[in-house]
Amino acid sequence: MADPPLKKESHALDAAEVESRIKALCQQFPHGITDQVIQNDMPHLEPQQRAMAINKLLSLGQLDLLRNSSGLLYRMKDIQSASKMKGSDNQEKLVYQVIEDAGNKGIWSRDIRFKSNLPLTEVNKILKSLESKKLIKAVKSVAASKKKVYMLYNLQPDRSVTGGAWYSDQDFESEFVEVLNQQCFKFLQSKAEAARDSQQSPMVQRNSSFATSHEVWKYICELGISKVDLSMDDIETILNTLIYDGKVEMTVIAAKEGTAGSVDGQMKLYRGVQPVLQPTGLVRTPCGLCPVFDDCHEGGEISPSCCVYMAEWLDI
């Protein structure tokens, strides 16, 4: 008489159950899980069965394979990304995920190599493939003109990469900045002159001579002198240079939420000023009002020998 078949242990799981548990863990920990997390959740699962379940989920495009300092990470694949990467191998998916995580600031190829742990030749091959599929793009960074950062094709690069409105093809638009500087000051001057001609009390004249950054921004936009869309932050950057030059002063007042130009219940007001006394010799030098004076030293990125303001002041 044959022996009855042995019953499976109560803790045994079939392949579908293992895959379902792994996906549930990934949803519970959206930043990714390690093999140890899976092992802690299913301590009686054989390593081979765990590997088979993970490989199947990876081949189906339901998981992302990442690498960090502690080892491999498995993360739930975004449905939209999965459709884009259909037909790609795991290495290509890994590189795409690394670039996606970098967002609109992009990532150097060297850092892609480090995070993916792939050979440089393989990384370069994958980058060319992803670029040809228009899944990623290479963008030159103003921080290093000879280097490129990679980001998803549909992303608008961050200002730290492009330099914002002040750069065109990695070149600083000094003439454009100077024109904006002059026009912003002209607007504030005209507002101050109109206040003085109003024949009102000194306090009313002073208050009416101020303009918000939103008013200055609107004036510049209506002039149509910029080929790019300027933000309020861009105009405030120009106004700050006028403050450093001693041509403008700024004050901050409380404002209702939703008021044009207000941020966190506060609003910046600017007005053109004329010094009552001539400034001292030190203040008239570029160093006297330089905002990066403490970082300036010979041989550094900012130094007196390559200072354009010093060269202009000395008419060199």
Protein backbone atom coordinates (compact mmCIF):
# COMPACT_ATOMS: atom_id res chain seq x y z
CA MET A 1 0.00 0.00 0.00
CA ALA A 2 1.48 3.37 -1.07
CA ASP A 3 2.13 6.06 1.46
CA PRO A 4 -0.27 9.08 1.29
CA PRO A 5 1.22 12.21 -0.27
CA LEU A 6 2.80 14.64 2.16
CA LYS A 7 0.79 17.79 2.84
CA LYS A 8 2.40 21.11 2.08
CA GLU A 9 3.36 23.18 5.09
CA SER A 10 0.80 25.80 6.03
CA HIS A 11 3.33 28.60 5.42
CA ALA A 12 4.03 27.54 1.79
CA LEU A 13 3.02 30.13 -0.81
CA ASP A 14 2.46 29.70 -4.52
CA ALA A 15 4.12 32.00 -7.07
CA ALA A 16 1.08 34.26 -7.52
CA GLU A 17 0.80 34.81 -3.75
CA VAL A 18 4.51 35.67 -3.48
CA GLU A 19 4.24 38.19 -6.32
CA SER A 20 1.13 39.72 -4.73
CA ARG A 21 2.88 40.05 -1.35
CA ILE A 22 5.94 41.68 -2.94
CA LYS A 23 3.73 44.23 -4.75
CA ALA A 24 1.87 44.94 -1.51
CA LEU A 25 5.19 45.60 0.27
CA CYS A 26 6.23 47.98 -2.53
CA GLN A 27 2.98 49.90 -2.12
CA GLN A 28 3.52 50.02 1.64
CA PHE A 29 7.09 51.34 1.16
CA PRO A 30 6.90 53.55 -1.99
CA HIS A 31 10.59 54.51 -1.81
CA GLY A 32 11.57 50.87 -2.35
CA ILE A 33 12.20 47.62 -0.50
CA THR A 34 15.26 45.41 -0.14
CA ASP A 35 15.57 41.62 -0.17
CA GLN A 36 15.74 41.80 3.62
CA VAL A 37 12.29 43.43 3.81
CA ILE A 38 10.83 40.62 1.69
CA GLN A 39 12.63 38.02 3.78
CA ASN A 40 11.30 39.54 7.03
CA ASP A 41 7.75 39.50 5.65
CA MET A 42 8.03 35.93 4.30
CA PRO A 43 10.72 34.24 6.45
CA HIS A 44 9.97 30.73 5.18
CA LEU A 45 10.19 31.65 1.51
CA GLU A 46 13.02 29.92 -0.36
CA PRO A 47 15.60 32.32 -1.89
CA GLN A 48 15.10 30.72 -5.30
CA GLN A 49 11.33 31.24 -5.16
CA ARG A 50 11.84 34.86 -4.07
CA ALA A 51 14.25 35.48 -6.95
CA MET A 52 11.87 33.92 -9.47
CA ALA A 53 8.98 36.12 -8.28
CA ILE A 54 11.10 39.29 -8.44
CA ASN A 55 12.46 38.45 -11.90
CA LYS A 56 8.95 37.83 -13.19
CA LEU A 57 7.71 41.18 -11.85
CA LEU A 58 10.73 42.91 -13.38
CA SER A 59 10.19 41.24 -16.76
CA LEU A 60 6.52 42.28 -16.69
CA GLY A 61 7.57 45.87 -16.04
CA GLN A 62 5.73 46.02 -12.71
CA LEU A 63 8.85 46.70 -10.61
CA ASP A 64 11.81 49.04 -10.91
CA LEU A 65 15.27 47.85 -9.95
CA LEU A 66 17.37 50.52 -8.22
CA ARG A 67 20.66 50.56 -6.39
CA ASN A 68 21.72 52.58 -3.35
CA SER A 69 24.49 52.42 -0.76
CA SER A 70 22.82 49.48 1.03
CA GLY A 71 22.31 47.37 -2.13
CA LEU A 72 19.45 46.63 -4.51
CA LEU A 73 16.02 48.23 -4.13
CA TYR A 74 12.74 47.15 -5.69
CA ARG A 75 10.09 49.80 -6.28
CA MET A 76 6.62 49.76 -7.82
CA LYS A 77 6.74 50.88 -11.44
CA ASP A 78 4.77 53.95 -12.41
CA ILE A 79 2.18 52.90 -15.04
CA GLN A 80 3.00 55.81 -17.35
CA SER A 81 6.72 55.09 -17.17
CA ALA A 82 6.09 51.40 -17.74
CA SER A 83 4.30 52.11 -21.04
CA LYS A 84 7.18 54.33 -22.21
CA MET A 85 9.82 51.71 -21.41
CA LYS A 86 7.95 48.78 -22.93
CA GLY A 87 10.44 46.54 -24.74
CA SER A 88 13.50 47.91 -22.91
CA ASP A 89 15.85 45.65 -20.98
CA ASN A 90 16.44 45.93 -17.23
CA GLN A 91 19.65 47.95 -17.59
CA GLU A 92 17.92 50.55 -19.76
CA LYS A 93 15.02 50.72 -17.30
CA LEU A 94 17.48 51.20 -14.44
CA VAL A 95 19.24 54.13 -16.16
CA TYR A 96 15.89 55.70 -17.07
CA GLN A 97 14.77 55.45 -13.44
CA VAL A 98 17.97 57.08 -12.17
CA ILE A 99 17.47 60.00 -14.59
CA GLU A 100 13.79 60.27 -13.67
CA ASP A 101 14.68 60.53 -9.97
CA ALA A 102 17.01 63.47 -10.72
CA GLY A 103 14.02 65.59 -11.81
CA ASN A 104 14.51 68.83 -13.75
CA LYS A 105 17.95 69.49 -12.26
CA GLY A 106 19.33 66.60 -14.28
CA ILE A 107 22.21 64.27 -13.50
CA TRP A 108 25.80 63.88 -14.79
CA SER A 109 26.69 60.70 -16.67
CA ARG A 110 29.30 60.01 -13.98
CA ASP A 111 26.59 60.00 -11.31
CA ILE A 112 24.39 57.77 -13.49
CA ARG A 113 27.27 55.31 -13.68
CA PHE A 114 27.74 55.42 -9.91
CA LYS A 115 24.04 54.93 -9.08
CA SER A 116 23.43 52.22 -11.66
CA ASN A 117 26.76 50.45 -11.07
CA LEU A 118 27.08 49.89 -14.82
CA PRO A 119 30.26 50.24 -16.92
CA LEU A 120 30.79 53.63 -18.55
CA THR A 121 30.61 52.19 -22.07
CA GLU A 122 27.27 50.55 -21.27
CA VAL A 123 25.91 53.77 -19.72
CA ASN A 124 26.88 55.80 -22.81
CA LYS A 125 25.25 53.22 -25.09
CA ILE A 126 22.02 53.32 -23.06
CA LEU A 127 21.99 57.14 -22.97
CA LYS A 128 22.25 57.29 -26.76
CA SER A 129 19.43 54.76 -27.07
CA LEU A 130 17.15 56.69 -24.70
CA GLU A 131 17.94 59.97 -26.49
CA SER A 132 17.08 58.44 -29.87
CA LYS A 133 13.72 57.32 -28.45
CA LYS A 134 13.14 60.87 -27.14
CA LEU A 135 12.72 59.60 -23.60
CA ILE A 136 15.56 61.75 -22.23
CA LYS A 137 17.54 64.79 -23.36
CA ALA A 138 20.98 66.23 -22.70
CA VAL A 139 21.15 69.83 -21.47
CA LYS A 140 24.27 71.96 -21.14
CA SER A 141 24.70 73.39 -17.65
CA VAL A 142 25.89 76.94 -16.97
CA ALA A 143 27.82 75.51 -14.01
CA ALA A 144 30.10 73.58 -16.39
CA SER A 145 29.76 74.48 -20.07
CA LYS A 146 31.63 71.41 -21.32
CA LYS A 147 29.44 68.99 -19.38
CA LYS A 148 25.86 67.90 -19.95
CA VAL A 149 23.19 66.77 -17.56
CA TYR A 150 20.47 64.31 -18.51
CA MET A 151 16.77 64.63 -17.66
CA LEU A 152 13.44 63.35 -18.97
CA TYR A 153 12.58 64.67 -22.43
CA ASN A 154 9.40 66.52 -21.41
CA LEU A 155 10.91 68.41 -18.44
CA GLN A 156 11.75 72.12 -18.37
CA PRO A 157 15.30 72.49 -16.99
CA ASP A 158 15.70 74.12 -13.58
CA ARG A 159 17.08 77.69 -13.44
CA SER A 160 20.22 76.35 -11.75
CA VAL A 161 20.94 74.43 -14.98
CA THR A 162 20.07 77.06 -17.60
CA GLY A 163 20.93 80.18 -15.60
CA GLY A 164 17.41 81.50 -16.08
CA ALA A 165 16.64 84.66 -18.03
CA TRP A 166 20.20 86.01 -17.74
CA TYR A 167 21.80 83.31 -19.91
CA SER A 168 21.50 82.45 -23.59
CA ASP A 169 23.34 79.34 -24.84
CA GLN A 170 25.41 79.32 -21.61
CA ASP A 171 26.53 82.94 -22.21
CA PHE A 172 25.71 85.63 -19.65
CA GLU A 173 23.61 88.38 -21.26
CA SER A 174 25.32 91.37 -19.63
CA GLU A 175 23.82 93.93 -22.07
CA PHE A 176 20.30 92.63 -21.44
CA VAL A 177 20.82 92.86 -17.67
CA GLU A 178 22.12 96.42 -18.03
CA VAL A 179 19.06 97.46 -20.07
CA LEU A 180 16.74 95.99 -17.46
CA ASN A 181 18.73 97.72 -14.73
CA GLN A 182 18.33 101.10 -16.45
CA GLN A 183 14.62 100.66 -17.20
CA CYS A 184 13.75 99.56 -13.65
CA PHE A 185 15.60 102.57 -12.24
CA LYS A 186 13.94 104.89 -14.79
CA PHE A 187 10.49 103.67 -13.69
CA LEU A 188 11.26 104.23 -10.00
CA GLN A 189 12.76 107.64 -10.74
CA SER A 190 9.67 108.76 -12.66
CA LYS A 191 7.44 107.58 -9.80
CA ALA A 192 9.54 109.51 -7.29
CA GLU A 193 9.45 112.68 -9.46
CA ALA A 194 5.67 112.41 -9.83
CA ALA A 195 5.37 112.15 -6.04
CA ARG A 196 7.54 115.26 -5.52
CA ASP A 197 5.48 117.24 -8.06
CA SER A 198 2.21 116.32 -6.35
CA GLN A 199 2.61 119.21 -3.84
CA GLN A 200 1.32 117.01 -1.03
CA SER A 201 2.72 116.59 2.49
CA PRO A 202 6.22 115.12 2.78
CA MET A 203 4.92 111.86 4.26
CA VAL A 204 2.34 111.39 1.49
CA GLN A 205 5.01 112.19 -1.11
CA ARG A 206 7.35 109.63 0.38
CA ASN A 207 4.72 106.88 0.53
CA SER A 208 3.53 107.50 -3.02
CA SER A 209 7.10 107.32 -4.34
CA PHE A 210 7.27 103.59 -3.55
CA ALA A 211 6.39 100.91 -6.11
CA THR A 212 5.84 97.19 -5.64
CA SER A 213 7.96 94.65 -7.51
CA HIS A 214 4.73 93.64 -9.27
CA GLU A 215 4.32 97.19 -10.64
CA VAL A 216 7.93 97.22 -11.88
CA TRP A 217 7.47 93.75 -13.42
CA LYS A 218 4.28 94.88 -15.19
CA TYR A 219 6.06 97.97 -16.56
CA ILE A 220 8.96 95.90 -17.93
CA CYS A 221 6.56 93.38 -19.51
CA GLU A 222 4.61 96.19 -21.21
CA LEU A 223 7.83 97.63 -22.64
CA GLY A 224 8.38 94.39 -24.52
CA ILE A 225 12.17 94.57 -24.23
CA SER A 226 12.57 90.95 -23.15
CA LYS A 227 12.43 87.99 -25.52
CA VAL A 228 11.93 85.61 -22.59
CA ASP A 229 9.22 85.56 -19.96
CA LEU A 230 10.49 87.31 -16.84
CA SER A 231 9.24 86.33 -13.41
CA MET A 232 8.78 88.49 -10.31
CA ASP A 233 11.94 86.90 -8.90
CA ASP A 234 13.89 88.00 -11.98
CA ILE A 235 12.78 91.62 -11.51
CA GLU A 236 13.55 91.51 -7.79
CA THR A 237 17.06 90.30 -8.66
CA ILE A 238 17.53 93.40 -10.85
CA LEU A 239 16.10 95.63 -8.12
CA ASN A 240 18.55 94.11 -5.64
CA THR A 241 21.46 95.15 -7.89
CA LEU A 242 20.10 98.71 -7.81
CA ILE A 243 20.00 98.51 -4.01
CA TYR A 244 23.65 97.42 -3.97
CA ASP A 245 24.46 100.38 -6.25
CA GLY A 246 22.82 102.74 -3.75
CA LYS A 247 20.20 103.90 -6.29
CA VAL A 248 17.17 102.21 -4.71
CA GLU A 249 15.95 101.44 -1.22
CA MET A 250 13.52 98.74 -0.16
CA THR A 251 11.02 98.40 2.67
CA VAL A 252 8.67 95.58 3.62
CA ILE A 253 5.05 96.10 4.69
CA ALA A 254 2.22 93.83 5.75
CA ALA A 255 -0.25 92.92 2.98
CA LYS A 256 -3.44 90.93 2.63
CA GLU A 257 -3.14 87.43 1.25
CA GLY A 258 -3.81 87.40 -2.48
CA THR A 259 -2.62 90.97 -3.06
CA ALA A 260 -0.53 91.18 -6.25
CA GLY A 261 3.15 91.01 -5.32
CA SER A 262 2.60 89.79 -1.74
CA VAL A 263 4.31 86.70 -0.34
CA ASP A 264 3.34 85.17 3.01
CA GLY A 265 1.43 88.29 4.02
CA GLN A 266 4.32 90.63 3.20
CA MET A 267 5.05 92.95 0.29
CA LYS A 268 8.32 94.54 -0.83
CA LEU A 269 8.25 98.19 -1.83
CA TYR A 270 11.01 99.96 -3.76
CA ARG A 271 11.80 103.61 -4.51
CA GLY A 272 14.57 105.49 -6.25
CA VAL A 273 16.78 107.56 -3.96
CA GLN A 274 19.36 110.31 -4.30
CA PRO A 275 22.07 110.37 -1.65
CA VAL A 276 22.00 113.47 0.55
CA LEU A 277 25.75 113.19 1.16
CA GLN A 278 28.41 111.95 -1.20
CA PRO A 279 29.46 108.43 -0.17
CA THR A 280 32.95 107.83 1.16
CA GLY A 281 35.70 106.65 -1.12
CA LEU A 282 35.52 103.07 0.16
CA VAL A 283 31.79 102.80 -0.55
CA ARG A 284 32.29 104.17 -4.06
CA THR A 285 34.61 101.29 -4.91
CA PRO A 286 33.02 98.04 -6.14
CA CYS A 287 34.25 96.31 -2.98
CA GLY A 288 32.34 98.71 -0.75
CA LEU A 289 28.91 97.31 -1.68
CA CYS A 290 29.91 93.91 -3.05
CA PRO A 291 27.55 91.16 -1.74
CA VAL A 292 30.23 88.46 -2.18
CA PHE A 293 33.07 90.44 -0.60
CA ASP A 294 33.79 87.68 1.97
CA ASP A 295 34.17 85.07 -0.79
CA CYS A 296 36.56 87.18 -2.89
CA HIS A 297 40.22 86.23 -2.84
CA GLU A 298 43.05 85.93 -5.33
CA GLY A 299 43.05 82.56 -7.09
CA GLY A 300 39.41 81.87 -6.20
CA GLU A 301 36.32 81.71 -8.40
CA ILE A 302 35.64 85.31 -7.34
CA SER A 303 38.83 87.39 -7.30
CA PRO A 304 39.91 91.04 -7.78
CA SER A 305 41.97 90.17 -10.88
CA CYS A 306 38.91 88.96 -12.84
CA CYS A 307 36.31 91.34 -11.35
CA VAL A 308 34.45 93.11 -14.17
CA TYR A 309 33.18 95.80 -11.78
CA MET A 310 36.71 96.61 -10.66
CA ALA A 311 37.89 96.77 -14.27
CA GLU A 312 35.08 99.17 -15.21
CA TRP A 313 35.69 101.34 -12.13
CA LEU A 314 39.39 101.64 -12.99
CA ASP A 315 38.57 102.02 -16.75
CA ILE A 316 40.99 99.22 -17.58
